[in-house]
PDB file of all heavy atoms in Angstrom:
ATOM      1  N   LYS A   1      -8.427 -16.084  12.477  1.00  0.00           N
ATOM      2  CA  LYS A   1      -8.875 -17.442  12.156  1.00  0.00           C
ATOM      3  C   LYS A   1      -7.921 -18.120  11.169  1.00  0.00           C
ATOM      4  O   LYS A   1      -7.968 -19.334  11.006  1.00  0.00           O
ATOM      5  CB  LYS A   1     -10.283 -17.405  11.542  1.00  0.00           C
ATOM      6  CG  LYS A   1     -11.337 -16.758  12.414  1.00  0.00           C
ATOM      7  CD  LYS A   1     -11.455 -17.450  13.771  1.00  0.00           C
ATOM      8  CE  LYS A   1     -12.474 -16.750  14.657  1.00  0.00           C
ATOM      9  NZ  LYS A   1     -12.522 -17.348  16.028  1.00  0.00           N
ATOM     10  N   MET A   2      -7.051 -17.318  10.531  1.00  0.00           N
ATOM     11  CA  MET A   2      -6.149 -17.867   9.516  1.00  0.00           C
ATOM     12  C   MET A   2      -4.685 -17.800   9.886  1.00  0.00           C
ATOM     13  O   MET A   2      -3.855 -18.485   9.300  1.00  0.00           O
ATOM     14  CB  MET A   2      -6.367 -17.115   8.188  1.00  0.00           C
ATOM     15  CG  MET A   2      -7.753 -17.253   7.602  1.00  0.00           C
ATOM     16  SD  MET A   2      -7.980 -16.357   6.024  1.00  0.00           S
ATOM     17  CE  MET A   2      -8.224 -14.689   6.641  1.00  0.00           C
ATOM     18  N   GLY A   3      -4.326 -16.934  10.856  1.00  0.00           N
ATOM     19  CA  GLY A   3      -2.915 -16.755  11.171  1.00  0.00           C
ATOM     20  C   GLY A   3      -2.676 -16.462  12.637  1.00  0.00           C
ATOM     21  O   GLY A   3      -3.618 -16.311  13.441  1.00  0.00           O
ATOM     22  N   LYS A   4      -1.412 -16.412  12.994  1.00  0.00           N
ATOM     23  CA  LYS A   4      -0.992 -16.198  14.386  1.00  0.00           C
ATOM     24  C   LYS A   4      -0.269 -14.861  14.560  1.00  0.00           C
ATOM     25  O   LYS A   4      -0.513 -14.125  15.497  1.00  0.00           O
ATOM     26  CB  LYS A   4      -0.067 -17.338  14.827  1.00  0.00           C
ATOM     27  CG  LYS A   4      -0.735 -18.710  14.844  1.00  0.00           C
ATOM     28  CD  LYS A   4      -1.875 -18.793  15.859  1.00  0.00           C
ATOM     29  CE  LYS A   4      -2.444 -20.209  15.933  1.00  0.00           C
ATOM     30  NZ  LYS A   4      -3.629 -20.265  16.801  1.00  0.00           N
ATOM     31  N   ASN A   5       0.695 -14.594  13.681  1.00  0.00           N
ATOM     32  CA  ASN A   5       1.480 -13.357  13.790  1.00  0.00           C
ATOM     33  C   ASN A   5       0.884 -12.342  12.821  1.00  0.00           C
ATOM     34  O   ASN A   5       1.161 -12.361  11.623  1.00  0.00           O
ATOM     35  CB  ASN A   5       2.935 -13.656  13.454  1.00  0.00           C
ATOM     36  CG  ASN A   5       3.810 -12.414  13.535  1.00  0.00           C
ATOM     37  OD1 ASN A   5       3.472 -11.450  14.217  1.00  0.00           O
ATOM     38  ND2 ASN A   5       4.930 -12.425  12.812  1.00  0.00           N
ATOM     39  N   ILE A   6       0.075 -11.446  13.332  1.00  0.00           N
ATOM     40  CA  ILE A   6      -0.673 -10.499  12.492  1.00  0.00           C
ATOM     41  C   ILE A   6      -0.208  -9.092  12.836  1.00  0.00           C
ATOM     42  O   ILE A   6      -0.382  -8.650  13.969  1.00  0.00           O
ATOM     43  CB  ILE A   6      -2.194 -10.643  12.723  1.00  0.00           C
ATOM     44  CG1 ILE A   6      -2.633 -12.075  12.426  1.00  0.00           C
ATOM     45  CG2 ILE A   6      -2.973  -9.649  11.882  1.00  0.00           C
ATOM     46  CD1 ILE A   6      -3.943 -12.470  13.080  1.00  0.00           C
ATOM     47  N   THR A   7       0.362  -8.391  11.852  1.00  0.00           N
ATOM     48  CA  THR A   7       0.960  -7.087  12.117  1.00  0.00           C
ATOM     49  C   THR A   7       0.426  -6.046  11.139  1.00  0.00           C
ATOM     50  O   THR A   7       0.480  -6.244   9.918  1.00  0.00           O
ATOM     51  CB  THR A   7       2.478  -7.157  11.979  1.00  0.00           C
ATOM     52  OG1 THR A   7       3.006  -8.158  12.844  1.00  0.00           O
ATOM     53  CG2 THR A   7       3.126  -5.815  12.347  1.00  0.00           C
ATOM     54  N   LEU A   8      -0.066  -4.942  11.676  1.00  0.00           N
ATOM     55  CA  LEU A   8      -0.387  -3.790  10.831  1.00  0.00           C
ATOM     56  C   LEU A   8       0.908  -3.045  10.568  1.00  0.00           C
ATOM     57  O   LEU A   8       1.446  -2.357  11.452  1.00  0.00           O
ATOM     58  CB  LEU A   8      -1.402  -2.892  11.549  1.00  0.00           C
ATOM     59  CG  LEU A   8      -1.784  -1.600  10.800  1.00  0.00           C
ATOM     60  CD1 LEU A   8      -2.409  -1.919   9.443  1.00  0.00           C
ATOM     61  CD2 LEU A   8      -2.732  -0.750  11.645  1.00  0.00           C
ATOM     62  N   VAL A   9       1.426  -3.189   9.366  1.00  0.00           N
ATOM     63  CA  VAL A   9       2.740  -2.634   9.013  1.00  0.00           C
ATOM     64  C   VAL A   9       2.626  -1.135   8.747  1.00  0.00           C
ATOM     65  O   VAL A   9       3.526  -0.359   9.093  1.00  0.00           O
ATOM     66  CB  VAL A   9       3.307  -3.368   7.786  1.00  0.00           C
ATOM     67  CG1 VAL A   9       4.660  -2.783   7.389  1.00  0.00           C
ATOM     68  CG2 VAL A   9       3.457  -4.866   8.077  1.00  0.00           C
ATOM     69  N   GLY A  10       1.543  -0.720   8.122  1.00  0.00           N
ATOM     70  CA  GLY A  10       1.373   0.675   7.759  1.00  0.00           C
ATOM     71  C   GLY A  10       0.165   0.826   6.855  1.00  0.00           C
ATOM     72  O   GLY A  10      -0.791   0.063   6.945  1.00  0.00           O
ATOM     73  N   GLY A  11       0.232   1.808   5.954  1.00  0.00           N
ATOM     74  CA  GLY A  11      -0.868   2.065   5.042  1.00  0.00           C
ATOM     75  C   GLY A  11      -0.926   1.061   3.912  1.00  0.00           C
ATOM     76  O   GLY A  11      -0.084   0.153   3.785  1.00  0.00           O
ATOM     77  N   VAL A  12      -1.934   1.228   3.051  1.00  0.00           N
ATOM     78  CA  VAL A  12      -2.118   0.308   1.935  1.00  0.00           C
ATOM     79  C   VAL A  12      -0.854   0.274   1.065  1.00  0.00           C
ATOM     80  O   VAL A  12      -0.281   1.301   0.731  1.00  0.00           O
ATOM     81  CB  VAL A  12      -3.330   0.739   1.080  1.00  0.00           C
ATOM     82  CG1 VAL A  12      -3.406  -0.073  -0.201  1.00  0.00           C
ATOM     83  CG2 VAL A  12      -4.622   0.579   1.877  1.00  0.00           C
ATOM     84  N   GLY A  13      -0.409  -0.940   0.761  1.00  0.00           N
ATOM     85  CA  GLY A  13       0.830  -1.143   0.002  1.00  0.00           C
ATOM     86  C   GLY A  13       1.985  -1.558   0.865  1.00  0.00           C
ATOM     87  O   GLY A  13       2.911  -2.231   0.412  1.00  0.00           O
ATOM     88  N   ASP A  14       1.952  -1.149   2.151  1.00  0.00           N
ATOM     89  CA  ASP A  14       3.069  -1.488   3.045  1.00  0.00           C
ATOM     90  C   ASP A  14       3.090  -2.975   3.380  1.00  0.00           C
ATOM     91  O   ASP A  14       4.155  -3.536   3.667  1.00  0.00           O
ATOM     92  CB  ASP A  14       2.984  -0.665   4.332  1.00  0.00           C
ATOM     93  CG  ASP A  14       3.319   0.809   4.104  1.00  0.00           C
ATOM     94  OD1 ASP A  14       3.908   1.127   3.046  1.00  0.00           O
ATOM     95  OD2 ASP A  14       2.975   1.643   4.968  1.00  0.00           O
ATOM     96  N   GLY A  15       1.935  -3.609   3.375  1.00  0.00           N
ATOM     97  CA  GLY A  15       1.914  -5.054   3.599  1.00  0.00           C
ATOM     98  C   GLY A  15       2.663  -5.770   2.497  1.00  0.00           C
ATOM     99  O   GLY A  15       3.459  -6.699   2.755  1.00  0.00           O
ATOM    100  N   GLN A  16       2.416  -5.352   1.228  1.00  0.00           N
ATOM    101  CA  GLN A  16       3.117  -5.979   0.106  1.00  0.00           C
ATOM    102  C   GLN A  16       4.607  -5.692   0.139  1.00  0.00           C
ATOM    103  O   GLN A  16       5.432  -6.563  -0.188  1.00  0.00           O
ATOM    104  CB  GLN A  16       2.511  -5.498  -1.210  1.00  0.00           C
ATOM    105  CG  GLN A  16       1.057  -5.895  -1.444  1.00  0.00           C
ATOM    106  CD  GLN A  16       0.856  -7.403  -1.596  1.00  0.00           C
ATOM    107  OE1 GLN A  16       1.824  -8.152  -1.698  1.00  0.00           O
ATOM    108  NE2 GLN A  16      -0.399  -7.811  -1.595  1.00  0.00           N
ATOM    109  N   THR A  17       4.976  -4.493   0.551  1.00  0.00           N
ATOM    110  CA  THR A  17       6.407  -4.168   0.678  1.00  0.00           C
ATOM    111  C   THR A  17       7.058  -5.071   1.708  1.00  0.00           C
ATOM    112  O   THR A  17       8.177  -5.595   1.499  1.00  0.00           O
ATOM    113  CB  THR A  17       6.577  -2.696   1.070  1.00  0.00           C
ATOM    114  OG1 THR A  17       6.088  -1.865   0.026  1.00  0.00           O
ATOM    115  CG2 THR A  17       8.047  -2.352   1.305  1.00  0.00           C
ATOM    116  N   CYS A  18       6.377  -5.297   2.823  1.00  0.00           N
ATOM    117  CA  CYS A  18       6.886  -6.193   3.850  1.00  0.00           C
ATOM    118  C   CYS A  18       7.034  -7.606   3.330  1.00  0.00           C
ATOM    119  O   CYS A  18       8.023  -8.289   3.613  1.00  0.00           O
ATOM    120  CB  CYS A  18       5.946  -6.147   5.056  1.00  0.00           C
ATOM    121  SG  CYS A  18       6.506  -7.122   6.488  1.00  0.00           S
ATOM    122  N   LYS A  19       6.068  -8.068   2.533  1.00  0.00           N
ATOM    123  CA  LYS A  19       6.150  -9.423   1.993  1.00  0.00           C
ATOM    124  C   LYS A  19       7.326  -9.563   1.023  1.00  0.00           C
ATOM    125  O   LYS A  19       8.015 -10.600   1.028  1.00  0.00           O
ATOM    126  CB  LYS A  19       4.845  -9.777   1.278  1.00  0.00           C
ATOM    127  CG  LYS A  19       4.842 -11.177   0.634  1.00  0.00           C
ATOM    128  CD  LYS A  19       5.106 -12.272   1.656  1.00  0.00           C
ATOM    129  CE  LYS A  19       5.290 -13.639   0.995  1.00  0.00           C
ATOM    130  NZ  LYS A  19       4.048 -14.181   0.394  1.00  0.00           N
ATOM    131  N   VAL A  20       7.581  -8.554   0.223  1.00  0.00           N
ATOM    132  CA  VAL A  20       8.736  -8.610  -0.660  1.00  0.00           C
ATOM    133  C   VAL A  20      10.027  -8.725   0.158  1.00  0.00           C
ATOM    134  O   VAL A  20      10.908  -9.533  -0.156  1.00  0.00           O
ATOM    135  CB  VAL A  20       8.789  -7.377  -1.578  1.00  0.00           C
ATOM    136  CG1 VAL A  20      10.110  -7.312  -2.333  1.00  0.00           C
ATOM    137  CG2 VAL A  20       7.633  -7.398  -2.577  1.00  0.00           C
ATOM    138  N   ALA A  21      10.112  -7.955   1.241  1.00  0.00           N
ATOM    139  CA  ALA A  21      11.277  -8.046   2.132  1.00  0.00           C
ATOM    140  C   ALA A  21      11.399  -9.461   2.704  1.00  0.00           C
ATOM    141  O   ALA A  21      12.496 -10.019   2.802  1.00  0.00           O
ATOM    142  CB  ALA A  21      11.177  -7.019   3.261  1.00  0.00           C
ATOM    143  N   ASN A  22      10.256 -10.027   3.102  1.00  0.00           N
ATOM    144  CA  ASN A  22      10.240 -11.402   3.629  1.00  0.00           C
ATOM    145  C   ASN A  22      10.809 -12.382   2.607  1.00  0.00           C
ATOM    146  O   ASN A  22      11.618 -13.269   2.930  1.00  0.00           O
ATOM    147  CB  ASN A  22       8.812 -11.779   3.975  1.00  0.00           C
ATOM    148  CG  ASN A  22       8.676 -13.230   4.489  1.00  0.00           C
ATOM    149  OD1 ASN A  22       8.852 -13.487   5.667  1.00  0.00           O
ATOM    150  ND2 ASN A  22       8.350 -14.150   3.598  1.00  0.00           N
ATOM    151  N   GLN A  23      10.399 -12.212   1.354  1.00  0.00           N
ATOM    152  CA  GLN A  23      10.816 -13.160   0.320  1.00  0.00           C
ATOM    153  C   GLN A  23      12.296 -13.022  -0.026  1.00  0.00           C
ATOM    154  O   GLN A  23      12.915 -14.001  -0.426  1.00  0.00           O
ATOM    155  CB  GLN A  23       9.934 -12.982  -0.937  1.00  0.00           C
ATOM    156  CG  GLN A  23       8.467 -13.317  -0.708  1.00  0.00           C
ATOM    157  CD  GLN A  23       8.261 -14.732  -0.227  1.00  0.00           C
ATOM    158  OE1 GLN A  23       8.434 -15.014   0.964  1.00  0.00           O
ATOM    159  NE2 GLN A  23       7.887 -15.617  -1.125  1.00  0.00           N
ATOM    160  N   ILE A  24      12.825 -11.821   0.133  1.00  0.00           N
ATOM    161  CA  ILE A  24      14.271 -11.649  -0.031  1.00  0.00           C
ATOM    162  C   ILE A  24      15.007 -12.462   1.020  1.00  0.00           C
ATOM    163  O   ILE A  24      15.937 -13.230   0.720  1.00  0.00           O
ATOM    164  CB  ILE A  24      14.668 -10.157   0.076  1.00  0.00           C
ATOM    165  CG1 ILE A  24      14.127  -9.366  -1.121  1.00  0.00           C
ATOM    166  CG2 ILE A  24      16.190 -10.004   0.185  1.00  0.00           C
ATOM    167  CD1 ILE A  24      14.292  -7.861  -0.983  1.00  0.00           C
ATOM    168  N   ILE A  25      14.585 -12.330   2.278  1.00  0.00           N
ATOM    169  CA  ILE A  25      15.243 -13.026   3.379  1.00  0.00           C
ATOM    170  C   ILE A  25      15.120 -14.534   3.222  1.00  0.00           C
ATOM    171  O   ILE A  25      16.111 -15.290   3.391  1.00  0.00           O
ATOM    172  CB  ILE A  25      14.671 -12.560   4.719  1.00  0.00           C
ATOM    173  CG1 ILE A  25      15.044 -11.098   4.991  1.00  0.00           C
ATOM    174  CG2 ILE A  25      15.154 -13.445   5.864  1.00  0.00           C
ATOM    175  CD1 ILE A  25      14.320 -10.468   6.162  1.00  0.00           C
ATOM    176  N   VAL A  26      13.933 -15.012   2.864  1.00  0.00           N
ATOM    177  CA  VAL A  26      13.726 -16.446   2.716  1.00  0.00           C
ATOM    178  C   VAL A  26      14.590 -17.009   1.591  1.00  0.00           C
ATOM    179  O   VAL A  26      15.252 -18.048   1.742  1.00  0.00           O
ATOM    180  CB  VAL A  26      12.235 -16.757   2.469  1.00  0.00           C
ATOM    181  CG1 VAL A  26      12.036 -18.215   2.087  1.00  0.00           C
ATOM    182  CG2 VAL A  26      11.415 -16.434   3.714  1.00  0.00           C
ATOM    183  N   ALA A  27      14.604 -16.323   0.460  1.00  0.00           N
ATOM    184  CA  ALA A  27      15.378 -16.822  -0.686  1.00  0.00           C
ATOM    185  C   ALA A  27      16.855 -16.893  -0.360  1.00  0.00           C
ATOM    186  O   ALA A  27      17.540 -17.891  -0.669  1.00  0.00           O
ATOM    187  CB  ALA A  27      15.153 -15.918  -1.898  1.00  0.00           C
ATOM    188  N   LEU A  28      17.383 -15.847   0.283  1.00  0.00           N
ATOM    189  CA  LEU A  28      18.812 -15.843   0.606  1.00  0.00           C
ATOM    190  C   LEU A  28      19.162 -16.881   1.648  1.00  0.00           C
ATOM    191  O   LEU A  28      20.266 -17.457   1.632  1.00  0.00           O
ATOM    192  CB  LEU A  28      19.248 -14.438   1.049  1.00  0.00           C
ATOM    193  CG  LEU A  28      19.751 -13.523  -0.096  1.00  0.00           C
ATOM    194  CD1 LEU A  28      18.699 -13.350  -1.186  1.00  0.00           C
ATOM    195  CD2 LEU A  28      20.155 -12.165   0.467  1.00  0.00           C
ATOM    196  N   ASN A  29      18.229 -17.161   2.550  1.00  0.00           N
ATOM    197  CA  ASN A  29      18.455 -18.211   3.535  1.00  0.00           C
ATOM    198  C   ASN A  29      18.420 -19.605   2.883  1.00  0.00           C
ATOM    199  O   ASN A  29      19.210 -20.483   3.229  1.00  0.00           O
ATOM    200  CB  ASN A  29      17.429 -18.141   4.649  1.00  0.00           C
ATOM    201  CG  ASN A  29      17.858 -17.219   5.781  1.00  0.00           C
ATOM    202  OD1 ASN A  29      18.546 -17.650   6.704  1.00  0.00           O
ATOM    203  ND2 ASN A  29      17.475 -15.968   5.704  1.00  0.00           N
ATOM    204  N   ILE A  30      17.517 -19.794   1.936  1.00  0.00           N
ATOM    205  CA  ILE A  30      17.494 -21.074   1.220  1.00  0.00           C
ATOM    206  C   ILE A  30      18.803 -21.264   0.453  1.00  0.00           C
ATOM    207  O   ILE A  30      19.405 -22.361   0.464  1.00  0.00           O
ATOM    208  CB  ILE A  30      16.292 -21.135   0.247  1.00  0.00           C
ATOM    209  CG1 ILE A  30      14.982 -21.234   1.034  1.00  0.00           C
ATOM    210  CG2 ILE A  30      16.415 -22.337  -0.696  1.00  0.00           C
ATOM    211  CD1 ILE A  30      13.733 -21.139   0.174  1.00  0.00           C
ATOM    212  N   GLU A  31      19.262 -20.206  -0.198  1.00  0.00           N
ATOM    213  CA  GLU A  31      20.542 -20.275  -0.906  1.00  0.00           C
ATOM    214  C   GLU A  31      21.685 -20.602   0.066  1.00  0.00           C
ATOM    215  O   GLU A  31      22.532 -21.464  -0.230  1.00  0.00           O
ATOM    216  CB  GLU A  31      20.818 -18.944  -1.616  1.00  0.00           C
ATOM    217  CG  GLU A  31      22.127 -18.926  -2.400  1.00  0.00           C
ATOM    218  CD  GLU A  31      22.366 -17.611  -3.100  1.00  0.00           C
ATOM    219  OE1 GLU A  31      21.479 -16.743  -3.075  1.00  0.00           O
ATOM    220  OE2 GLU A  31      23.462 -17.444  -3.701  1.00  0.00           O
ATOM    221  N   ALA A  32      21.701 -19.962   1.221  1.00  0.00           N
ATOM    222  CA  ALA A  32      22.779 -20.186   2.200  1.00  0.00           C
ATOM    223  C   ALA A  32      22.750 -21.625   2.722  1.00  0.00           C
ATOM    224  O   ALA A  32      23.805 -22.267   2.848  1.00  0.00           O
ATOM    225  CB  ALA A  32      22.641 -19.212   3.363  1.00  0.00           C
ATOM    226  N   VAL A  33      21.558 -22.129   3.041  1.00  0.00           N
ATOM    227  CA  VAL A  33      21.452 -23.507   3.527  1.00  0.00           C
ATOM    228  C   VAL A  33      21.899 -24.484   2.435  1.00  0.00           C
ATOM    229  O   VAL A  33      22.625 -25.459   2.695  1.00  0.00           O
ATOM    230  CB  VAL A  33      20.017 -23.799   3.989  1.00  0.00           C
ATOM    231  CG1 VAL A  33      19.801 -25.297   4.227  1.00  0.00           C
ATOM    232  CG2 VAL A  33      19.692 -23.026   5.259  1.00  0.00           C
ATOM    233  N   GLY A  34      21.489 -24.220   1.202  1.00  0.00           N
ATOM    234  CA  GLY A  34      21.893 -25.084   0.108  1.00  0.00           C
ATOM    235  C   GLY A  34      23.400 -25.118  -0.066  1.00  0.00           C
ATOM    236  O   GLY A  34      24.005 -26.187  -0.243  1.00  0.00           O
ATOM    237  N   GLU A  35      24.034 -23.955  -0.030  1.00  0.00           N
ATOM    238  CA  GLU A  35      25.491 -23.892  -0.173  1.00  0.00           C
ATOM    239  C   GLU A  35      26.183 -24.624   0.972  1.00  0.00           C
ATOM    240  O   GLU A  35      27.172 -25.350   0.758  1.00  0.00           O
ATOM    241  CB  GLU A  35      25.944 -22.434  -0.243  1.00  0.00           C
ATOM    242  CG  GLU A  35      25.564 -21.735  -1.523  1.00  0.00           C
ATOM    243  CD  GLU A  35      26.202 -20.357  -1.658  1.00  0.00           C
ATOM    244  OE1 GLU A  35      27.098 -20.039  -0.844  1.00  0.00           O
ATOM    245  OE2 GLU A  35      25.788 -19.606  -2.565  1.00  0.00           O
TER     246      GLU A  35
END
């Protein structure tokens, strides 16, 4: 009801690890686009 791409990444804590990885990619892409 809240999202479209819903993935069971692994056990408890793995969702947060995945989100940190996501934020690394997003930040570096923002930096690249800005440059």
